Every structure is written in C-alpha cells, then in structure tokens.
Amino acid sequence: MIGGFIITGTAGKKVIVRGIGPSLTQSNVPDALADPILELHGPSGALIASNDNWRDTQQTEIVNSQLAPTNDLESAIVQTLQPGAYTAILKGKSGASGVGLVEVYDLDAAAASKLANISARSFVQTTDNVLIGGFILGSNNGAAKVIVRAIGPSLAQAGINNALADPTLELRDGNGAVLIANDDWQDDPSQAAQITAAGIPPTNALESAIATSLLPGPYTAIVAGKNGGTGIGLVEVYNIP
C-alpha cells in the first residue's frame, strides 16, 4: 500500500506515520497483515526513515505522542517535515501479504503549516476488499471544506498497469451512514463546478469526486469498481482553504 500526504504552509510539521496490521483482528478484519514494515519517502523519493517494529527506534517519542501502536510488530515513525509531498509505503515482512492500514497524524496543529492532503493507492477488489480511506477533521477550526477523489483510469498515464477502469466513491460519517455518493465526477453540475474551481478536477470523466463541507469528526471514503470491476485505484482527500 502506498499512502501519500502533502504539507502546506511555511513551517515544519511534526507528524507520526503508522503501519498497522495484526491489531486489525480486534476489529474483525480478516487476513490482517501479520508483520508490517513502513518506509517514509520525501518529495524527491529519497528514503527519510524506515521501521519494522515500533519499539526498535523512537520508542519514547512514539509513546509520548499517545499514538503508539497496540501490537509490538506494528510500525511507526515520528518526523518533523518541511512543506512538501511525502509518501509512506507499507509492505509485509519477508514478502507476506494481508490487509494493512497506513496512517498519518498531525502532532503539531499550532504550526504555521497544514496537513492539506492524504491519499492511498492499492488494489481495489470487491465486497470487503475495496479501498477504504479514513480521515479525521480536528475540532479547532470548525467546519472544513474538503474534496474527495477516486482515481482509476488516468493512473495508466503514470505507467500503472491494471488501473481501475470506472471507480465509484462513497463518503460516510463516523456511524457508517452514506453522506454523498458519486460515480462520474461531472454528474452533478454544482459539485463539478466546485471541484473545477478548486483546481483539482479529475482528468478522466469516469473518475469520481465529491466536494462538501464537514464538521469535525471521523469520516470514511470508500472506492469500489463499478459493476464489480477491480484494479489499482487511488483515494485522495484535500483540505481546501
């Protein structure tokens, strides 16, 4: 799994990146990744840090963040990062596979910078094995305007094979209720106008996007293939000024 995030602003931001696997079984997730390994790469693609088991390095910093993983085989990295685009890569130790979770948390909300975008790219299957992107809006700034995108066919332009041909997108609240759903991003003219005005419309008409304002709380974006289609998909969440 490849997770991306963008920091905007003028100052460094302290974050913790986590790679979760075995503890997912406590949430009844089948086939959880038994032993995840996490890498953090910078804007140039260079490796900034890597971690296998979170207690191996930075144990004190991770514990102090109050976001330490609950299983010793899970991974975590604490870094202060300058504005730019970053990538977290999650994989299984010794080539193992399974369901995993990559997370990024803002540890310094007061900094003159913002965690403005998060994304995840993975193979989208069917039923429980669709692509699930979660995000939490903090309580310091009231409602936030967000754009959520589900990208598939345009990934082929980046040399990605087996791209998801026709993604669908659902935005759900913390209780799992569907707030908004979208198939093709231009279906709703009002939504399409907002997405275009923000400067981030999908480049393929079959891709999906949602523009809305959300109150603080947890949300989930679910990307699936139309009519049971499968392939590589990308889910993105943008915090719009």
C-alpha atoms as a PDB file:
ATOM      1  CA  MET A   1       0.000   0.000   0.000  1.00  0.00           C
ATOM      2  CA  ILE A   2       1.199   3.473  -0.886  1.00  0.00           C
ATOM      3  CA  GLY A   3      -0.007   6.384   1.226  1.00  0.00           C
ATOM      4  CA  GLY A   4       0.713   9.966   0.250  1.00  0.00           C
ATOM      5  CA  PHE A   5       0.302  13.237   2.099  1.00  0.00           C
ATOM      6  CA  ILE A   6       1.051  16.902   1.429  1.00  0.00           C
ATOM      7  CA  ILE A   7       2.098  19.522   3.965  1.00  0.00           C
ATOM      8  CA  THR A   8       1.450  23.140   3.020  1.00  0.00           C
ATOM      9  CA  GLY A   9       2.469  26.361   4.763  1.00  0.00           C
ATOM     10  CA  THR A  10       5.700  27.991   5.866  1.00  0.00           C
ATOM     11  CA  ALA A  11       6.872  25.889   8.804  1.00  0.00           C
ATOM     12  CA  GLY A  12       7.819  22.315   9.550  1.00  0.00           C
ATOM     13  CA  LYS A  13       5.136  19.996  10.876  1.00  0.00           C
ATOM     14  CA  LYS A  14       5.660  17.150  13.316  1.00  0.00           C
ATOM     15  CA  VAL A  15       3.771  14.017  12.306  1.00  0.00           C
ATOM     16  CA  ILE A  16       3.579  10.363  13.220  1.00  0.00           C
ATOM     17  CA  VAL A  17       3.140   7.794  10.450  1.00  0.00           C
ATOM     18  CA  ARG A  18       1.909   4.336  11.460  1.00  0.00           C
ATOM     19  CA  GLY A  19       1.784   0.958   9.717  1.00  0.00           C
ATOM     20  CA  ILE A  20      -0.913  -1.207  11.292  1.00  0.00           C
ATOM     21  CA  GLY A  21      -1.597  -4.905  10.704  1.00  0.00           C
ATOM     22  CA  PRO A  22      -2.052  -7.556  13.401  1.00  0.00           C
ATOM     23  CA  SER A  23      -4.197  -5.390  15.701  1.00  0.00           C
ATOM     24  CA  LEU A  24      -6.819  -5.119  12.933  1.00  0.00           C
ATOM     25  CA  THR A  25      -8.017  -8.560  14.002  1.00  0.00           C
ATOM     26  CA  GLN A  26      -9.521  -6.865  17.081  1.00  0.00           C
ATOM     27  CA  SER A  27     -11.881  -5.085  14.675  1.00  0.00           C
ATOM     28  CA  ASN A  28     -12.776  -8.396  12.996  1.00  0.00           C
ATOM     29  CA  VAL A  29     -10.747  -7.589   9.874  1.00  0.00           C
ATOM     30  CA  PRO A  30      -9.899 -10.892   8.146  1.00  0.00           C
ATOM     31  CA  ASP A  31      -6.430 -11.711   6.786  1.00  0.00           C
ATOM     32  CA  ALA A  32      -4.701  -8.880   8.658  1.00  0.00           C
ATOM     33  CA  LEU A  33      -1.070  -8.190   7.724  1.00  0.00           C
ATOM     34  CA  ALA A  34       0.932 -10.104  10.322  1.00  0.00           C
ATOM     35  CA  ASP A  35       4.136  -8.038  10.437  1.00  0.00           C
ATOM     36  CA  PRO A  36       4.121  -4.699   8.572  1.00  0.00           C
ATOM     37  CA  ILE A  37       7.180  -2.723   7.538  1.00  0.00           C
ATOM     38  CA  LEU A  38       6.937   1.044   6.987  1.00  0.00           C
ATOM     39  CA  GLU A  39       9.021   3.400   4.853  1.00  0.00           C
ATOM     40  CA  LEU A  40       8.757   7.204   4.673  1.00  0.00           C
ATOM     41  CA  HIS A  41       9.988   8.899   1.492  1.00  0.00           C
ATOM     42  CA  GLY A  42      10.483  12.602   0.821  1.00  0.00           C
ATOM     43  CA  PRO A  43       9.486  14.837  -2.107  1.00  0.00           C
ATOM     44  CA  SER A  44      12.414  13.583  -4.220  1.00  0.00           C
ATOM     45  CA  GLY A  45      11.580   9.952  -3.476  1.00  0.00           C
ATOM     46  CA  ALA A  46      14.578   9.556  -1.171  1.00  0.00           C
ATOM     47  CA  LEU A  47      14.122   7.397   1.922  1.00  0.00           C
ATOM     48  CA  ILE A  48      13.803   9.519   5.086  1.00  0.00           C
ATOM     49  CA  ALA A  49      13.213   6.731   7.619  1.00  0.00           C
ATOM     50  CA  SER A  50      12.061   3.132   7.870  1.00  0.00           C
ATOM     51  CA  ASN A  51      10.760   0.987  10.701  1.00  0.00           C
ATOM     52  CA  ASP A  52       9.869  -2.657  11.272  1.00  0.00           C
ATOM     53  CA  ASN A  53       8.731  -2.898  14.900  1.00  0.00           C
ATOM     54  CA  TRP A  54       7.864   0.423  16.529  1.00  0.00           C
ATOM     55  CA  ARG A  55       9.792  -0.231  19.749  1.00  0.00           C
ATOM     56  CA  ASP A  56      13.020  -0.712  17.755  1.00  0.00           C
ATOM     57  CA  THR A  57      13.594   3.043  17.386  1.00  0.00           C
ATOM     58  CA  GLN A  58      11.947   6.240  18.688  1.00  0.00           C
ATOM     59  CA  GLN A  59      10.022   4.337  21.368  1.00  0.00           C
ATOM     60  CA  THR A  60       9.947   7.296  23.778  1.00  0.00           C
ATOM     61  CA  GLU A  61       8.754   9.773  21.125  1.00  0.00           C
ATOM     62  CA  ILE A  62       6.075   7.388  19.900  1.00  0.00           C
ATOM     63  CA  VAL A  63       4.780   6.724  23.416  1.00  0.00           C
ATOM     64  CA  ASN A  64       4.758  10.457  24.182  1.00  0.00           C
ATOM     65  CA  SER A  65       2.611  11.072  21.111  1.00  0.00           C
ATOM     66  CA  GLN A  66      -0.109   8.928  22.766  1.00  0.00           C
ATOM     67  CA  LEU A  67      -0.468   7.154  19.426  1.00  0.00           C
ATOM     68  CA  ALA A  68       1.727   4.121  19.986  1.00  0.00           C
ATOM     69  CA  PRO A  69       0.528   1.011  18.105  1.00  0.00           C
ATOM     70  CA  THR A  70      -1.073  -1.638  20.301  1.00  0.00           C
ATOM     71  CA  ASN A  71       0.956  -4.507  18.807  1.00  0.00           C
ATOM     72  CA  ASP A  72       4.755  -4.627  19.022  1.00  0.00           C
ATOM     73  CA  LEU A  73       5.027  -5.951  15.447  1.00  0.00           C
ATOM     74  CA  GLU A  74       3.427  -2.802  14.042  1.00  0.00           C
ATOM     75  CA  SER A  75       5.436   0.160  12.750  1.00  0.00           C
ATOM     76  CA  ALA A  76       5.637   3.882  13.451  1.00  0.00           C
ATOM     77  CA  ILE A  77       7.836   6.838  12.507  1.00  0.00           C
ATOM     78  CA  VAL A  78       7.911  10.320  14.096  1.00  0.00           C
ATOM     79  CA  GLN A  79       9.367  13.122  11.978  1.00  0.00           C
ATOM     80  CA  THR A  80       9.251  16.897  11.634  1.00  0.00           C
ATOM     81  CA  LEU A  81       8.772  17.550   7.928  1.00  0.00           C
ATOM     82  CA  GLN A  82       9.042  20.710   5.852  1.00  0.00           C
ATOM     83  CA  PRO A  83       6.192  21.638   3.460  1.00  0.00           C
ATOM     84  CA  GLY A  84       6.108  19.267   0.505  1.00  0.00           C
ATOM     85  CA  ALA A  85       4.768  15.936  -0.726  1.00  0.00           C
ATOM     86  CA  TYR A  86       5.615  12.710   1.120  1.00  0.00           C
ATOM     87  CA  THR A  87       4.983   9.010   0.582  1.00  0.00           C
ATOM     88  CA  ALA A  88       4.512   6.214   3.126  1.00  0.00           C
ATOM     89  CA  ILE A  89       4.989   2.665   1.813  1.00  0.00           C
ATOM     90  CA  LEU A  90       3.540  -0.256   3.780  1.00  0.00           C
ATOM     91  CA  LYS A  91       4.507  -3.842   2.995  1.00  0.00           C
ATOM     92  CA  GLY A  92       4.667  -7.221   4.696  1.00  0.00           C
ATOM     93  CA  LYS A  93       7.894  -8.556   6.185  1.00  0.00           C
ATOM     94  CA  SER A  94       9.553 -11.266   4.064  1.00  0.00           C
ATOM     95  CA  GLY A  95       7.066 -10.635   1.249  1.00  0.00           C
ATOM     96  CA  ALA A  96       3.964 -11.517   3.275  1.00  0.00           C
ATOM     97  CA  SER A  97       0.601 -10.079   2.247  1.00  0.00           C
ATOM     98  CA  GLY A  98      -2.627  -9.183   4.009  1.00  0.00           C
ATOM     99  CA  VAL A  99      -4.906  -6.292   4.949  1.00  0.00           C
ATOM    100  CA  GLY A 100      -2.979  -3.327   6.336  1.00  0.00           C
ATOM    101  CA  LEU A 101      -3.545   0.267   7.391  1.00  0.00           C
ATOM    102  CA  VAL A 102      -1.264   3.262   6.861  1.00  0.00           C
ATOM    103  CA  GLU A 103      -1.997   6.383   8.926  1.00  0.00           C
ATOM    104  CA  VAL A 104      -0.657   9.937   9.282  1.00  0.00           C
ATOM    105  CA  TYR A 105      -1.397  12.097  12.328  1.00  0.00           C
ATOM    106  CA  ASP A 106      -0.690  15.808  12.849  1.00  0.00           C
ATOM    107  CA  LEU A 107       1.239  16.206  16.122  1.00  0.00           C
ATOM    108  CA  ASP A 108       1.583  19.998  15.921  1.00  0.00           C
ATOM    109  CA  ALA A 109      -1.702  21.653  14.964  1.00  0.00           C
ATOM    110  CA  ALA A 110      -0.391  25.067  16.074  1.00  0.00           C
ATOM    111  CA  ALA A 111       2.402  25.137  13.480  1.00  0.00           C
ATOM    112  CA  ALA A 112       2.198  27.552  10.541  1.00  0.00           C
ATOM    113  CA  SER A 113       1.539  24.613   8.225  1.00  0.00           C
ATOM    114  CA  LYS A 114      -1.280  22.213   7.441  1.00  0.00           C
ATOM    115  CA  LEU A 115      -1.736  18.557   6.614  1.00  0.00           C
ATOM    116  CA  ALA A 116      -3.602  19.514   3.445  1.00  0.00           C
ATOM    117  CA  ASN A 117      -3.892  16.226   1.564  1.00  0.00           C
ATOM    118  CA  ILE A 118      -3.832  12.497   2.221  1.00  0.00           C
ATOM    119  CA  SER A 119      -4.110   9.697  -0.303  1.00  0.00           C
ATOM    120  CA  ALA A 120      -3.774   5.931  -0.607  1.00  0.00           C
ATOM    121  CA  ARG A 121      -3.185   3.703  -3.620  1.00  0.00           C
ATOM    122  CA  SER A 122      -3.927  -0.004  -3.587  1.00  0.00           C
ATOM    123  CA  PHE A 123      -5.535  -2.867  -5.490  1.00  0.00           C
ATOM    124  CA  VAL A 124      -9.318  -2.471  -5.365  1.00  0.00           C
ATOM    125  CA  GLN A 125     -11.206  -5.749  -5.163  1.00  0.00           C
ATOM    126  CA  THR A 126     -14.849  -6.453  -4.247  1.00  0.00           C
ATOM    127  CA  THR A 127     -17.046  -6.857  -1.116  1.00  0.00           C
ATOM    128  CA  ASP A 128     -14.854  -6.226   1.969  1.00  0.00           C
ATOM    129  CA  ASN A 129     -11.681  -5.796  -0.099  1.00  0.00           C
ATOM    130  CA  VAL A 130     -12.423  -2.392  -1.614  1.00  0.00           C
ATOM    131  CA  LEU A 131     -10.168   0.626  -0.978  1.00  0.00           C
ATOM    132  CA  ILE A 132     -11.038   2.388   2.287  1.00  0.00           C
ATOM    133  CA  GLY A 133      -9.620   5.808   3.144  1.00  0.00           C
ATOM    134  CA  GLY A 134     -10.370   7.301   6.542  1.00  0.00           C
ATOM    135  CA  PHE A 135      -9.747  10.827   7.773  1.00  0.00           C
ATOM    136  CA  ILE A 136     -10.403  12.789  10.949  1.00  0.00           C
ATOM    137  CA  LEU A 137     -11.138  16.512  10.968  1.00  0.00           C
ATOM    138  CA  GLY A 138      -9.910  18.225  14.123  1.00  0.00           C
ATOM    139  CA  SER A 139     -12.076  20.409  16.318  1.00  0.00           C
ATOM    140  CA  ASN A 140     -10.024  23.609  16.326  1.00  0.00           C
ATOM    141  CA  ASN A 141     -11.313  25.343  13.190  1.00  0.00           C
ATOM    142  CA  GLY A 142     -14.989  24.477  12.835  1.00  0.00           C
ATOM    143  CA  ALA A 143     -16.340  23.082   9.568  1.00  0.00           C
ATOM    144  CA  ALA A 144     -13.846  22.280   6.819  1.00  0.00           C
ATOM    145  CA  LYS A 145     -14.313  22.245   3.058  1.00  0.00           C
ATOM    146  CA  VAL A 146     -12.976  19.036   1.553  1.00  0.00           C
ATOM    147  CA  ILE A 147     -12.750  17.414  -1.854  1.00  0.00           C
ATOM    148  CA  VAL A 148     -12.538  13.629  -2.028  1.00  0.00           C
ATOM    149  CA  ARG A 149     -11.482  11.959  -5.280  1.00  0.00           C
ATOM    150  CA  ALA A 150     -11.456   8.370  -6.575  1.00  0.00           C
ATOM    151  CA  ILE A 151      -8.937   7.968  -9.385  1.00  0.00           C
ATOM    152  CA  GLY A 152      -8.580   4.986 -11.695  1.00  0.00           C
ATOM    153  CA  PRO A 153      -8.249   5.171 -15.496  1.00  0.00           C
ATOM    154  CA  SER A 154      -5.921   8.194 -15.511  1.00  0.00           C
ATOM    155  CA  LEU A 155      -3.366   6.191 -13.486  1.00  0.00           C
ATOM    156  CA  ALA A 156      -2.470   4.477 -16.743  1.00  0.00           C
ATOM    157  CA  GLN A 157      -0.876   7.771 -17.840  1.00  0.00           C
ATOM    158  CA  ALA A 158       1.570   7.347 -14.962  1.00  0.00           C
ATOM    159  CA  GLY A 159       2.571   3.896 -16.216  1.00  0.00           C
ATOM    160  CA  ILE A 160       0.427   1.954 -13.747  1.00  0.00           C
ATOM    161  CA  ASN A 161      -0.858  -1.322 -15.155  1.00  0.00           C
ATOM    162  CA  ASN A 162      -4.317  -2.716 -14.408  1.00  0.00           C
ATOM    163  CA  ALA A 163      -5.789   0.642 -13.356  1.00  0.00           C
ATOM    164  CA  LEU A 164      -9.370   0.595 -12.062  1.00  0.00           C
ATOM    165  CA  ALA A 165     -11.465   1.332 -15.162  1.00  0.00           C
ATOM    166  CA  ASP A 166     -14.507   3.003 -13.591  1.00  0.00           C
ATOM    167  CA  PRO A 167     -14.290   3.869  -9.870  1.00  0.00           C
ATOM    168  CA  THR A 168     -17.235   4.715  -7.638  1.00  0.00           C
ATOM    169  CA  LEU A 169     -16.982   6.757  -4.452  1.00  0.00           C
ATOM    170  CA  GLU A 170     -18.921   6.900  -1.196  1.00  0.00           C
ATOM    171  CA  LEU A 171     -18.359   9.328   1.691  1.00  0.00           C
ATOM    172  CA  ARG A 172     -19.573   8.013   5.042  1.00  0.00           C
ATOM    173  CA  ASP A 173     -19.800   9.562   8.504  1.00  0.00           C
ATOM    174  CA  GLY A 174     -18.461   8.150  11.757  1.00  0.00           C
ATOM    175  CA  ASN A 175     -21.530   5.914  12.128  1.00  0.00           C
ATOM    176  CA  GLY A 176     -21.096   4.424   8.655  1.00  0.00           C
ATOM    177  CA  ALA A 177     -24.050   6.270   7.098  1.00  0.00           C
ATOM    178  CA  VAL A 178     -23.593   7.355   3.464  1.00  0.00           C
ATOM    179  CA  LEU A 179     -23.451  11.158   3.223  1.00  0.00           C
ATOM    180  CA  ILE A 180     -22.761  11.516  -0.505  1.00  0.00           C
ATOM    181  CA  ALA A 181     -22.043   9.062  -3.322  1.00  0.00           C
ATOM    182  CA  ASN A 182     -20.682   9.693  -6.802  1.00  0.00           C
ATOM    183  CA  ASP A 183     -19.966   7.674  -9.934  1.00  0.00           C
ATOM    184  CA  ASP A 184     -18.712  10.122 -12.582  1.00  0.00           C
ATOM    185  CA  TRP A 185     -17.498  13.450 -11.181  1.00  0.00           C
ATOM    186  CA  GLN A 186     -19.366  15.581 -13.756  1.00  0.00           C
ATOM    187  CA  ASP A 187     -22.770  14.007 -12.980  1.00  0.00           C
ATOM    188  CA  ASP A 188     -23.726  16.833 -10.592  1.00  0.00           C
ATOM    189  CA  PRO A 189     -23.098  20.253 -12.248  1.00  0.00           C
ATOM    190  CA  SER A 190     -22.927  22.086  -8.912  1.00  0.00           C
ATOM    191  CA  GLN A 191     -20.383  19.641  -7.480  1.00  0.00           C
ATOM    192  CA  ALA A 192     -18.409  19.682 -10.738  1.00  0.00           C
ATOM    193  CA  ALA A 193     -18.212  23.493 -10.641  1.00  0.00           C
ATOM    194  CA  GLN A 194     -16.821  23.453  -7.093  1.00  0.00           C
ATOM    195  CA  ILE A 195     -14.264  20.789  -7.941  1.00  0.00           C
ATOM    196  CA  THR A 196     -13.142  22.663 -11.042  1.00  0.00           C
ATOM    197  CA  ALA A 197     -12.914  25.969  -9.154  1.00  0.00           C
ATOM    198  CA  ALA A 198     -10.615  24.309  -6.611  1.00  0.00           C
ATOM    199  CA  GLY A 199      -8.234  23.463  -9.433  1.00  0.00           C
ATOM    200  CA  ILE A 200      -8.222  19.679  -8.914  1.00  0.00           C
ATOM    201  CA  PRO A 201     -10.801  18.144 -11.277  1.00  0.00           C
ATOM    202  CA  PRO A 202     -10.114  14.523 -12.278  1.00  0.00           C
ATOM    203  CA  THR A 203      -8.677  14.234 -15.766  1.00  0.00           C
ATOM    204  CA  ASN A 204     -10.950  11.350 -16.789  1.00  0.00           C
ATOM    205  CA  ALA A 205     -14.746  11.675 -16.918  1.00  0.00           C
ATOM    206  CA  LEU A 206     -15.198   8.185 -15.440  1.00  0.00           C
ATOM    207  CA  GLU A 207     -13.426   9.136 -12.217  1.00  0.00           C
ATOM    208  CA  SER A 208     -15.304  10.238  -9.118  1.00  0.00           C
ATOM    209  CA  ALA A 209     -15.169  13.272  -6.846  1.00  0.00           C
ATOM    210  CA  ILE A 210     -17.164  14.871  -4.036  1.00  0.00           C
ATOM    211  CA  ALA A 211     -17.000  18.462  -2.733  1.00  0.00           C
ATOM    212  CA  THR A 212     -18.600  19.222   0.620  1.00  0.00           C
ATOM    213  CA  SER A 213     -18.210  20.936   3.997  1.00  0.00           C
ATOM    214  CA  LEU A 214     -17.836  18.678   7.019  1.00  0.00           C
ATOM    215  CA  LEU A 215     -17.976  19.247  10.759  1.00  0.00           C
ATOM    216  CA  PRO A 216     -15.152  17.923  12.956  1.00  0.00           C
ATOM    217  CA  GLY A 217     -15.198  14.144  13.306  1.00  0.00           C
ATOM    218  CA  PRO A 218     -14.174  10.889  11.594  1.00  0.00           C
ATOM    219  CA  TYR A 219     -15.124  10.087   8.012  1.00  0.00           C
ATOM    220  CA  THR A 220     -14.561   7.254   5.559  1.00  0.00           C
ATOM    221  CA  ALA A 221     -14.166   7.328   1.773  1.00  0.00           C
ATOM    222  CA  ILE A 222     -14.836   4.018   0.011  1.00  0.00           C
ATOM    223  CA  VAL A 223     -13.613   3.370  -3.528  1.00  0.00           C
ATOM    224  CA  ALA A 224     -15.009   0.409  -5.460  1.00  0.00           C
ATOM    225  CA  GLY A 225     -15.182  -0.649  -9.087  1.00  0.00           C
ATOM    226  CA  LYS A 226     -18.457  -0.108 -10.946  1.00  0.00           C
ATOM    227  CA  ASN A 227     -20.306  -3.385 -11.570  1.00  0.00           C
ATOM    228  CA  GLY A 228     -17.707  -5.298  -9.542  1.00  0.00           C
ATOM    229  CA  GLY A 229     -14.689  -4.088 -11.502  1.00  0.00           C
ATOM    230  CA  THR A 230     -11.225  -4.495  -9.970  1.00  0.00           C
ATOM    231  CA  GLY A 231      -7.842  -2.823 -10.444  1.00  0.00           C
ATOM    232  CA  ILE A 232      -5.416  -0.296  -8.987  1.00  0.00           C
ATOM    233  CA  GLY A 233      -7.212   2.724  -7.537  1.00  0.00           C
ATOM    234  CA  LEU A 234      -6.337   5.893  -5.672  1.00  0.00           C
ATOM    235  CA  VAL A 235      -8.369   7.676  -2.996  1.00  0.00           C
ATOM    236  CA  GLU A 236      -7.489  11.281  -2.140  1.00  0.00           C
ATOM    237  CA  VAL A 237      -8.759  13.794   0.409  1.00  0.00           C
ATOM    238  CA  TYR A 238      -7.970  17.507   0.061  1.00  0.00           C
ATOM    239  CA  ASN A 239      -8.488  20.119   2.784  1.00  0.00           C
ATOM    240  CA  ILE A 240      -9.495  23.194   0.767  1.00  0.00           C
ATOM    241  CA  PRO A 241      -8.703  26.687   2.169  1.00  0.00           C
END
